[in-house]
Amino acid sequence: MAFKHLSVSQLKKLLVEQEVVLLDTRDEASFQTGHIDGAMRLDDRNVSAFISETVKTSTVVVVCYHGHSSQGAANFLADQGFSDVYSLDGGYTAWASSTN
């Protein structure tokens, strides 16, 4: 199973239409400074719990700084059996600039 790419405008539409699990892979300080409403931080400390506790058919969107490292995380989650995984193109930087 492979992950898919998602633009900021597609994510905004998706958030209105259905429940989405938003995962932010940025460092703690960046996450605390700002993140998409409802996002949870995903890192090495909680990734195992997330994988074991989250329904594999959930719609999962991975967000990083610029949309590069989130692709690796999205691919990893798809490899763990998640069937509806996206990487946000442009990352949080693109999201933040679209909401100004």
PDB file of N, CA and C in Angstrom:
ATOM      1  N   MET A   1       0.853  -1.194   0.000  1.00  0.00           N
ATOM      2  CA  MET A   1       0.000   0.000   0.000  1.00  0.00           C
ATOM      3  C   MET A   1       0.889   1.244   0.000  1.00  0.00           C
ATOM      4  N   ALA A   2       0.545   2.189  -0.804  1.00  0.00           N
ATOM      5  CA  ALA A   2       1.343   3.409  -0.891  1.00  0.00           C
ATOM      6  C   ALA A   2       0.556   4.593  -0.336  1.00  0.00           C
ATOM      7  N   PHE A   3       1.293   5.595   0.115  1.00  0.00           N
ATOM      8  CA  PHE A   3       0.642   6.819   0.573  1.00  0.00           C
ATOM      9  C   PHE A   3       0.317   7.695  -0.636  1.00  0.00           C
ATOM     10  N   LYS A   4      -0.537   8.700  -0.391  1.00  0.00           N
ATOM     11  CA  LYS A   4      -0.928   9.633  -1.449  1.00  0.00           C
ATOM     12  C   LYS A   4      -0.521  11.047  -1.038  1.00  0.00           C
ATOM     13  N   HIS A   5      -0.421  11.911  -2.011  1.00  0.00           N
ATOM     14  CA  HIS A   5      -0.113  13.318  -1.749  1.00  0.00           C
ATOM     15  C   HIS A   5      -1.408  14.101  -1.604  1.00  0.00           C
ATOM     16  N   LEU A   6      -1.363  15.156  -0.810  1.00  0.00           N
ATOM     17  CA  LEU A   6      -2.537  15.974  -0.545  1.00  0.00           C
ATOM     18  C   LEU A   6      -2.098  17.432  -0.527  1.00  0.00           C
ATOM     19  N   SER A   7      -2.826  18.279  -1.231  1.00  0.00           N
ATOM     20  CA  SER A   7      -2.527  19.713  -1.205  1.00  0.00           C
ATOM     21  C   SER A   7      -3.232  20.344  -0.005  1.00  0.00           C
ATOM     22  N   VAL A   8      -2.841  21.554   0.327  1.00  0.00           N
ATOM     23  CA  VAL A   8      -3.473  22.267   1.440  1.00  0.00           C
ATOM     24  C   VAL A   8      -4.974  22.430   1.178  1.00  0.00           C
ATOM     25  N   SER A   9      -5.344  22.807  -0.036  1.00  0.00           N
ATOM     26  CA  SER A   9      -6.774  22.994  -0.335  1.00  0.00           C
ATOM     27  C   SER A   9      -7.536  21.671  -0.245  1.00  0.00           C
ATOM     28  N   GLN A  10      -6.914  20.576  -0.662  1.00  0.00           N
ATOM     29  CA  GLN A  10      -7.564  19.266  -0.539  1.00  0.00           C
ATOM     30  C   GLN A  10      -7.736  18.886   0.929  1.00  0.00           C
ATOM     31  N   LEU A  11      -6.735  19.203   1.752  1.00  0.00           N
ATOM     32  CA  LEU A  11      -6.845  18.897   3.176  1.00  0.00           C
ATOM     33  C   LEU A  11      -7.961  19.710   3.813  1.00  0.00           C
ATOM     34  N   LYS A  12      -8.058  20.976   3.493  1.00  0.00           N
ATOM     35  CA  LYS A  12      -9.126  21.808   4.059  1.00  0.00           C
ATOM     36  C   LYS A  12     -10.495  21.225   3.730  1.00  0.00           C
ATOM     37  N   LYS A  13     -10.664  20.754   2.509  1.00  0.00           N
ATOM     38  CA  LYS A  13     -11.921  20.135   2.083  1.00  0.00           C
ATOM     39  C   LYS A  13     -12.155  18.834   2.847  1.00  0.00           C
ATOM     40  N   LEU A  14     -11.118  18.026   2.959  1.00  0.00           N
ATOM     41  CA  LEU A  14     -11.215  16.742   3.649  1.00  0.00           C
ATOM     42  C   LEU A  14     -11.600  16.917   5.114  1.00  0.00           C
ATOM     43  N   LEU A  15     -11.036  17.941   5.765  1.00  0.00           N
ATOM     44  CA  LEU A  15     -11.321  18.178   7.181  1.00  0.00           C
ATOM     45  C   LEU A  15     -12.794  18.534   7.416  1.00  0.00           C
ATOM     46  N   VAL A  16     -13.428  19.122   6.420  1.00  0.00           N
ATOM     47  CA  VAL A  16     -14.846  19.466   6.521  1.00  0.00           C
ATOM     48  C   VAL A  16     -15.713  18.228   6.282  1.00  0.00           C
ATOM     49  N   GLU A  17     -15.254  17.360   5.398  1.00  0.00           N
ATOM     50  CA  GLU A  17     -16.061  16.228   4.945  1.00  0.00           C
ATOM     51  C   GLU A  17     -16.025  15.014   5.859  1.00  0.00           C
ATOM     52  N   GLN A  18     -14.922  14.797   6.564  1.00  0.00           N
ATOM     53  CA  GLN A  18     -14.803  13.551   7.331  1.00  0.00           C
ATOM     54  C   GLN A  18     -13.810  13.702   8.475  1.00  0.00           C
ATOM     55  N   GLU A  19     -13.772  12.669   9.305  1.00  0.00           N
ATOM     56  CA  GLU A  19     -12.815  12.643  10.404  1.00  0.00           C
ATOM     57  C   GLU A  19     -11.436  12.298   9.846  1.00  0.00           C
ATOM     58  N   VAL A  20     -10.443  13.073  10.248  1.00  0.00           N
ATOM     59  CA  VAL A  20      -9.075  12.890   9.765  1.00  0.00           C
ATOM     60  C   VAL A  20      -8.142  12.820  10.967  1.00  0.00           C
ATOM     61  N   VAL A  21      -7.209  11.884  10.939  1.00  0.00           N
ATOM     62  CA  VAL A  21      -6.164  11.815  11.956  1.00  0.00           C
ATOM     63  C   VAL A  21      -4.984  12.614  11.419  1.00  0.00           C
ATOM     64  N   LEU A  22      -4.694  13.742  12.071  1.00  0.00           N
ATOM     65  CA  LEU A  22      -3.584  14.609  11.663  1.00  0.00           C
ATOM     66  C   LEU A  22      -2.369  14.333  12.526  1.00  0.00           C
ATOM     67  N   LEU A  23      -1.269  13.988  11.881  1.00  0.00           N
ATOM     68  CA  LEU A  23      -0.028  13.694  12.591  1.00  0.00           C
ATOM     69  C   LEU A  23       1.028  14.708  12.191  1.00  0.00           C
ATOM     70  N   ASP A  24       1.642  15.329  13.162  1.00  0.00           N
ATOM     71  CA  ASP A  24       2.675  16.338  12.917  1.00  0.00           C
ATOM     72  C   ASP A  24       4.014  15.761  13.367  1.00  0.00           C
ATOM     73  N   THR A  25       4.965  15.661  12.447  1.00  0.00           N
ATOM     74  CA  THR A  25       6.251  15.033  12.764  1.00  0.00           C
ATOM     75  C   THR A  25       7.344  16.047  13.088  1.00  0.00           C
ATOM     76  N   ARG A  26       6.977  17.322  13.178  1.00  0.00           N
ATOM     77  CA  ARG A  26       7.987  18.345  13.497  1.00  0.00           C
ATOM     78  C   ARG A  26       8.408  18.257  14.965  1.00  0.00           C
ATOM     79  N   ASP A  27       9.483  18.944  15.308  1.00  0.00           N
ATOM     80  CA  ASP A  27       9.976  18.914  16.685  1.00  0.00           C
ATOM     81  C   ASP A  27       8.975  19.593  17.635  1.00  0.00           C
ATOM     82  N   GLU A  28       9.130  19.282  18.912  1.00  0.00           N
ATOM     83  CA  GLU A  28       8.198  19.755  19.945  1.00  0.00           C
ATOM     84  C   GLU A  28       8.042  21.271  19.957  1.00  0.00           C
ATOM     85  N   ALA A  29       9.159  22.001  19.876  1.00  0.00           N
ATOM     86  CA  ALA A  29       9.096  23.467  19.928  1.00  0.00           C
ATOM     87  C   ALA A  29       8.307  24.029  18.750  1.00  0.00           C
ATOM     88  N   SER A  30       8.536  23.504  17.561  1.00  0.00           N
ATOM     89  CA  SER A  30       7.792  23.968  16.380  1.00  0.00           C
ATOM     90  C   SER A  30       6.316  23.646  16.510  1.00  0.00           C
ATOM     91  N   PHE A  31       6.014  22.453  17.010  1.00  0.00           N
ATOM     92  CA  PHE A  31       4.626  22.041  17.202  1.00  0.00           C
ATOM     93  C   PHE A  31       3.931  22.970  18.189  1.00  0.00           C
ATOM     94  N   GLN A  32       4.618  23.302  19.294  1.00  0.00           N
ATOM     95  CA  GLN A  32       4.036  24.185  20.307  1.00  0.00           C
ATOM     96  C   GLN A  32       3.823  25.592  19.770  1.00  0.00           C
ATOM     97  N   THR A  33       4.688  26.027  18.869  1.00  0.00           N
ATOM     98  CA  THR A  33       4.570  27.363  18.278  1.00  0.00           C
ATOM     99  C   THR A  33       3.339  27.462  17.386  1.00  0.00           C
ATOM    100  N   GLY A  34       3.001  26.379  16.716  1.00  0.00           N
ATOM    101  CA  GLY A  34       1.822  26.373  15.856  1.00  0.00           C
ATOM    102  C   GLY A  34       1.660  25.054  15.149  1.00  0.00           C
ATOM    103  N   HIS A  35       0.410  24.603  15.039  1.00  0.00           N
ATOM    104  CA  HIS A  35       0.095  23.371  14.325  1.00  0.00           C
ATOM    105  C   HIS A  35      -1.354  23.430  13.860  1.00  0.00           C
ATOM    106  N   ILE A  36      -1.703  22.528  12.975  1.00  0.00           N
ATOM    107  CA  ILE A  36      -3.077  22.453  12.487  1.00  0.00           C
ATOM    108  C   ILE A  36      -3.971  21.992  13.634  1.00  0.00           C
ATOM    109  N   ASP A  37      -5.109  22.650  13.810  1.00  0.00           N
ATOM    110  CA  ASP A  37      -6.038  22.283  14.888  1.00  0.00           C
ATOM    111  C   ASP A  37      -6.340  20.793  14.842  1.00  0.00           C
ATOM    112  N   GLY A  38      -6.220  20.158  15.989  1.00  0.00           N
ATOM    113  CA  GLY A  38      -6.539  18.743  16.097  1.00  0.00           C
ATOM    114  C   GLY A  38      -5.371  17.816  15.820  1.00  0.00           C
ATOM    115  N   ALA A  39      -4.236  18.364  15.407  1.00  0.00           N
ATOM    116  CA  ALA A  39      -3.079  17.518  15.099  1.00  0.00           C
ATOM    117  C   ALA A  39      -2.445  16.994  16.379  1.00  0.00           C
ATOM    118  N   MET A  40      -1.889  15.800  16.291  1.00  0.00           N
ATOM    119  CA  MET A  40      -1.091  15.265  17.379  1.00  0.00           C
ATOM    120  C   MET A  40       0.338  15.096  16.886  1.00  0.00           C
ATOM    121  N   ARG A  41       1.269  15.296  17.800  1.00  0.00           N
ATOM    122  CA  ARG A  41       2.676  15.141  17.437  1.00  0.00           C
ATOM    123  C   ARG A  41       3.033  13.667  17.413  1.00  0.00           C
ATOM    124  N   LEU A  42       3.706  13.242  16.374  1.00  0.00           N
ATOM    125  CA  LEU A  42       4.148  11.856  16.260  1.00  0.00           C
ATOM    126  C   LEU A  42       5.670  11.839  16.251  1.00  0.00           C
ATOM    127  N   ASP A  43       6.232  11.037  17.143  1.00  0.00           N
ATOM    128  CA  ASP A  43       7.694  10.903  17.171  1.00  0.00           C
ATOM    129  C   ASP A  43       8.035   9.470  17.577  1.00  0.00           C
ATOM    130  N   ASP A  44       9.311   9.204  17.753  1.00  0.00           N
ATOM    131  CA  ASP A  44       9.762   7.848  18.081  1.00  0.00           C
ATOM    132  C   ASP A  44       9.177   7.329  19.385  1.00  0.00           C
ATOM    133  N   ARG A  45       8.819   8.227  20.289  1.00  0.00           N
ATOM    134  CA  ARG A  45       8.303   7.800  21.595  1.00  0.00           C
ATOM    135  C   ARG A  45       6.871   7.274  21.518  1.00  0.00           C
ATOM    136  N   ASN A  46       6.071   7.794  20.587  1.00  0.00           N
ATOM    137  CA  ASN A  46       4.659   7.384  20.584  1.00  0.00           C
ATOM    138  C   ASN A  46       4.213   6.685  19.301  1.00  0.00           C
ATOM    139  N   VAL A  47       5.109   6.460  18.360  1.00  0.00           N
ATOM    140  CA  VAL A  47       4.693   5.868  17.091  1.00  0.00           C
ATOM    141  C   VAL A  47       4.184   4.433  17.266  1.00  0.00           C
ATOM    142  N   SER A  48       4.805   3.647  18.134  1.00  0.00           N
ATOM    143  CA  SER A  48       4.350   2.265  18.348  1.00  0.00           C
ATOM    144  C   SER A  48       2.942   2.236  18.921  1.00  0.00           C
ATOM    145  N   ALA A  49       2.684   3.101  19.891  1.00  0.00           N
ATOM    146  CA  ALA A  49       1.341   3.173  20.485  1.00  0.00           C
ATOM    147  C   ALA A  49       0.328   3.617  19.441  1.00  0.00           C
ATOM    148  N   PHE A  50       0.704   4.602  18.628  1.00  0.00           N
ATOM    149  CA  PHE A  50      -0.212   5.073  17.589  1.00  0.00           C
ATOM    150  C   PHE A  50      -0.574   3.927  16.646  1.00  0.00           C
ATOM    151  N   ILE A  51       0.411   3.177  16.218  1.00  0.00           N
ATOM    152  CA  ILE A  51       0.179   2.079  15.272  1.00  0.00           C
ATOM    153  C   ILE A  51      -0.726   1.015  15.883  1.00  0.00           C
ATOM    154  N   SER A  52      -0.491   0.688  17.145  1.00  0.00           N
ATOM    155  CA  SER A  52      -1.287  -0.375  17.761  1.00  0.00           C
ATOM    156  C   SER A  52      -2.686   0.080  18.179  1.00  0.00           C
ATOM    157  N   GLU A  53      -2.867   1.382  18.420  1.00  0.00           N
ATOM    158  CA  GLU A  53      -4.151   1.865  18.951  1.00  0.00           C
ATOM    159  C   GLU A  53      -5.061   2.502  17.910  1.00  0.00           C
ATOM    160  N   THR A  54      -4.585   2.708  16.694  1.00  0.00           N
ATOM    161  CA  THR A  54      -5.365   3.421  15.687  1.00  0.00           C
ATOM    162  C   THR A  54      -5.911   2.451  14.646  1.00  0.00           C
ATOM    163  N   VAL A  55      -7.177   2.643  14.312  1.00  0.00           N
ATOM    164  CA  VAL A  55      -7.823   1.802  13.307  1.00  0.00           C
ATOM    165  C   VAL A  55      -7.105   1.985  11.971  1.00  0.00           C
ATOM    166  N   LYS A  56      -6.752   0.877  11.340  1.00  0.00           N
ATOM    167  CA  LYS A  56      -5.931   0.923  10.120  1.00  0.00           C
ATOM    168  C   LYS A  56      -6.665   1.536   8.924  1.00  0.00           C
ATOM    169  N   THR A  57      -7.992   1.644   8.998  1.00  0.00           N
ATOM    170  CA  THR A  57      -8.751   2.260   7.903  1.00  0.00           C
ATOM    171  C   THR A  57      -8.965   3.749   8.116  1.00  0.00           C
ATOM    172  N   SER A  58      -8.419   4.293   9.201  1.00  0.00           N
ATOM    173  CA  SER A  58      -8.523   5.730   9.452  1.00  0.00           C
ATOM    174  C   SER A  58      -7.854   6.512   8.325  1.00  0.00           C
ATOM    175  N   THR A  59      -8.389   7.699   8.049  1.00  0.00           N
ATOM    176  CA  THR A  59      -7.731   8.606   7.110  1.00  0.00           C
ATOM    177  C   THR A  59      -6.655   9.347   7.895  1.00  0.00           C
ATOM    178  N   VAL A  60      -5.399   9.134   7.512  1.00  0.00           N
ATOM    179  CA  VAL A  60      -4.254   9.681   8.236  1.00  0.00           C
ATOM    180  C   VAL A  60      -3.513  10.663   7.331  1.00  0.00           C
ATOM    181  N   VAL A  61      -3.285  11.876   7.830  1.00  0.00           N
ATOM    182  CA  VAL A  61      -2.526  12.879   7.088  1.00  0.00           C
ATOM    183  C   VAL A  61      -1.293  13.240   7.910  1.00  0.00           C
ATOM    184  N   VAL A  62      -0.114  13.087   7.300  1.00  0.00           N
ATOM    185  CA  VAL A  62       1.148  13.376   7.970  1.00  0.00           C
ATOM    186  C   VAL A  62       1.659  14.739   7.504  1.00  0.00           C
ATOM    187  N   VAL A  63       2.032  15.562   8.479  1.00  0.00           N
ATOM    188  CA  VAL A  63       2.491  16.923   8.213  1.00  0.00           C
ATOM    189  C   VAL A  63       3.893  17.087   8.797  1.00  0.00           C
ATOM    190  N   CYS A  64       4.794  17.702   8.026  1.00  0.00           N
ATOM    191  CA  CYS A  64       6.124  18.051   8.538  1.00  0.00           C
ATOM    192  C   CYS A  64       6.355  19.528   8.236  1.00  0.00           C
ATOM    193  N   TYR A  65       7.584  19.937   8.097  1.00  0.00           N
ATOM    194  CA  TYR A  65       7.878  21.344   7.819  1.00  0.00           C
ATOM    195  C   TYR A  65       7.488  21.755   6.404  1.00  0.00           C
ATOM    196  N   HIS A  66       8.032  21.033   5.410  1.00  0.00           N
ATOM    197  CA  HIS A  66       7.853  21.433   4.009  1.00  0.00           C
ATOM    198  C   HIS A  66       7.293  20.331   3.125  1.00  0.00           C
ATOM    199  N   GLY A  67       6.897  19.212   3.707  1.00  0.00           N
ATOM    200  CA  GLY A  67       6.301  18.131   2.919  1.00  0.00           C
ATOM    201  C   GLY A  67       7.285  17.099   2.415  1.00  0.00           C
ATOM    202  N   HIS A  68       8.507  17.093   2.960  1.00  0.00           N
ATOM    203  CA  HIS A  68       9.502  16.116   2.517  1.00  0.00           C
ATOM    204  C   HIS A  68       9.593  14.928   3.468  1.00  0.00           C
ATOM    205  N   SER A  69       9.912  15.178   4.733  1.00  0.00           N
ATOM    206  CA  SER A  69      10.066  14.064   5.673  1.00  0.00           C
ATOM    207  C   SER A  69       8.730  13.380   5.972  1.00  0.00           C
ATOM    208  N   SER A  70       7.632  14.102   5.784  1.00  0.00           N
ATOM    209  CA  SER A  70       6.316  13.481   6.007  1.00  0.00           C
ATOM    210  C   SER A  70       6.066  12.355   5.014  1.00  0.00           C
ATOM    211  N   GLN A  71       6.700  12.411   3.854  1.00  0.00           N
ATOM    212  CA  GLN A  71       6.532  11.344   2.873  1.00  0.00           C
ATOM    213  C   GLN A  71       7.102  10.028   3.396  1.00  0.00           C
ATOM    214  N   GLY A  72       8.255  10.115   4.070  1.00  0.00           N
ATOM    215  CA  GLY A  72       8.842   8.911   4.656  1.00  0.00           C
ATOM    216  C   GLY A  72       7.967   8.352   5.758  1.00  0.00           C
ATOM    217  N   ALA A  73       7.430   9.240   6.596  1.00  0.00           N
ATOM    218  CA  ALA A  73       6.553   8.802   7.685  1.00  0.00           C
ATOM    219  C   ALA A  73       5.257   8.211   7.133  1.00  0.00           C
ATOM    220  N   ALA A  74       4.705   8.839   6.107  1.00  0.00           N
ATOM    221  CA  ALA A  74       3.476   8.329   5.488  1.00  0.00           C
ATOM    222  C   ALA A  74       3.724   6.955   4.864  1.00  0.00           C
ATOM    223  N   ASN A  75       4.855   6.807   4.215  1.00  0.00           N
ATOM    224  CA  ASN A  75       5.206   5.521   3.612  1.00  0.00           C
ATOM    225  C   ASN A  75       5.351   4.449   4.689  1.00  0.00           C
ATOM    226  N   PHE A  76       5.986   4.810   5.799  1.00  0.00           N
ATOM    227  CA  PHE A  76       6.148   3.884   6.925  1.00  0.00           C
ATOM    228  C   PHE A  76       4.781   3.439   7.456  1.00  0.00           C
ATOM    229  N   LEU A  77       3.866   4.388   7.636  1.00  0.00           N
ATOM    230  CA  LEU A  77       2.531   4.044   8.153  1.00  0.00           C
ATOM    231  C   LEU A  77       1.772   3.169   7.161  1.00  0.00           C
ATOM    232  N   ALA A  78       1.909   3.453   5.884  1.00  0.00           N
ATOM    233  CA  ALA A  78       1.272   2.602   4.869  1.00  0.00           C
ATOM    234  C   ALA A  78       1.835   1.185   4.955  1.00  0.00           C
ATOM    235  N   ASP A  79       3.140   1.076   5.167  1.00  0.00           N
ATOM    236  CA  ASP A  79       3.780  -0.239   5.322  1.00  0.00           C
ATOM    237  C   ASP A  79       3.296  -0.966   6.576  1.00  0.00           C
ATOM    238  N   GLN A  80       2.816  -0.213   7.572  1.00  0.00           N
ATOM    239  CA  GLN A  80       2.303  -0.817   8.807  1.00  0.00           C
ATOM    240  C   GLN A  80       0.844  -1.249   8.676  1.00  0.00           C
ATOM    241  N   GLY A  81       0.255  -1.047   7.496  1.00  0.00           N
ATOM    242  CA  GLY A  81      -1.107  -1.518   7.260  1.00  0.00           C
ATOM    243  C   GLY A  81      -2.169  -0.447   7.188  1.00  0.00           C
ATOM    244  N   PHE A  82      -1.792   0.812   7.328  1.00  0.00           N
ATOM    245  CA  PHE A  82      -2.781   1.882   7.184  1.00  0.00           C
ATOM    246  C   PHE A  82      -3.127   2.017   5.704  1.00  0.00           C
ATOM    247  N   SER A  83      -4.408   2.074   5.406  1.00  0.00           N
ATOM    248  CA  SER A  83      -4.844   2.004   4.008  1.00  0.00           C
ATOM    249  C   SER A  83      -5.158   3.351   3.375  1.00  0.00           C
ATOM    250  N   ASP A  84      -5.262   4.412   4.174  1.00  0.00           N
ATOM    251  CA  ASP A  84      -5.653   5.727   3.643  1.00  0.00           C
ATOM    252  C   ASP A  84      -4.723   6.787   4.234  1.00  0.00           C
ATOM    253  N   VAL A  85      -3.498   6.834   3.714  1.00  0.00           N
ATOM    254  CA  VAL A  85      -2.446   7.687   4.283  1.00  0.00           C
ATOM    255  C   VAL A  85      -2.032   8.746   3.270  1.00  0.00           C
ATOM    256  N   TYR A  86      -1.889   9.975   3.764  1.00  0.00           N
ATOM    257  CA  TYR A  86      -1.507  11.107   2.918  1.00  0.00           C
ATOM    258  C   TYR A  86      -0.322  11.850   3.522  1.00  0.00           C
ATOM    259  N   SER A  87       0.467  12.462   2.651  1.00  0.00           N
ATOM    260  CA  SER A  87       1.504  13.404   3.052  1.00  0.00           C
ATOM    261  C   SER A  87       1.062  14.766   2.547  1.00  0.00           C
ATOM    262  N   LEU A  88       1.098  15.763   3.434  1.00  0.00           N
ATOM    263  CA  LEU A  88       0.673  17.107   3.046  1.00  0.00           C
ATOM    264  C   LEU A  88       1.772  17.800   2.249  1.00  0.00           C
ATOM    265  N   ASP A  89       1.511  18.062   0.985  1.00  0.00           N
ATOM    266  CA  ASP A  89       2.468  18.765   0.130  1.00  0.00           C
ATOM    267  C   ASP A  89       2.701  20.171   0.661  1.00  0.00           C
ATOM    268  N   GLY A  90       3.960  20.548   0.819  1.00  0.00           N
ATOM    269  CA  GLY A  90       4.304  21.869   1.342  1.00  0.00           C
ATOM    270  C   GLY A  90       4.350  21.929   2.849  1.00  0.00           C
ATOM    271  N   GLY A  91       3.841  20.894   3.517  1.00  0.00           N
ATOM    272  CA  GLY A  91       3.900  20.789   4.965  1.00  0.00           C
ATOM    273  C   GLY A  91       3.196  21.918   5.702  1.00  0.00           C
ATOM    274  N   TYR A  92       3.587  22.065   6.977  1.00  0.00           N
ATOM    275  CA  TYR A  92       2.964  23.093   7.809  1.00  0.00           C
ATOM    276  C   TYR A  92       3.255  24.492   7.276  1.00  0.00           C
ATOM    277  N   THR A  93       4.404  24.667   6.622  1.00  0.00           N
ATOM    278  CA  THR A  93       4.748  25.963   6.053  1.00  0.00           C
ATOM    279  C   THR A  93       3.682  26.397   5.058  1.00  0.00           C
ATOM    280  N   ALA A  94       3.283  25.493   4.178  1.00  0.00           N
ATOM    281  CA  ALA A  94       2.245  25.802   3.187  1.00  0.00           C
ATOM    282  C   ALA A  94       0.898  26.037   3.867  1.00  0.00           C
ATOM    283  N   TRP A  95       0.578  25.226   4.881  1.00  0.00           N
ATOM    284  CA  TRP A  95      -0.683  25.380   5.614  1.00  0.00           C
ATOM    285  C   TRP A  95      -0.734  26.758   6.277  1.00  0.00           C
ATOM    286  N   ALA A  96       0.326  27.115   6.975  1.00  0.00           N
ATOM    287  CA  ALA A  96       0.352  28.382   7.710  1.00  0.00           C
ATOM    288  C   ALA A  96       0.248  29.576   6.741  1.00  0.00           C
ATOM    289  N   SER A  97       0.910  29.504   5.624  1.00  0.00           N
ATOM    290  CA  SER A  97       0.853  30.636   4.686  1.00  0.00           C
ATOM    291  C   SER A  97      -0.506  30.716   4.002  1.00  0.00           C
ATOM    292  N   SER A  98      -1.243  29.615   3.954  1.00  0.00           N
ATOM    293  CA  SER A  98      -2.569  29.637   3.322  1.00  0.00           C
ATOM    294  C   SER A  98      -3.633  30.198   4.254  1.00  0.00           C
ATOM    295  N   THR A  99      -3.348  30.251   5.542  1.00  0.00           N
ATOM    296  CA  THR A  99      -4.351  30.710   6.509  1.00  0.00           C
ATOM    297  C   THR A  99      -4.121  32.145   6.942  1.00  0.00           C
ATOM    298  N   ASN A 100      -3.101  32.794   6.397  1.00  0.00           N
ATOM    299  CA  ASN A 100      -2.822  34.189   6.765  1.00  0.00           C
ATOM    300  C   ASN A 100      -3.680  35.151   5.961  1.00  0.00           C
TER     301      ASN A 100
END
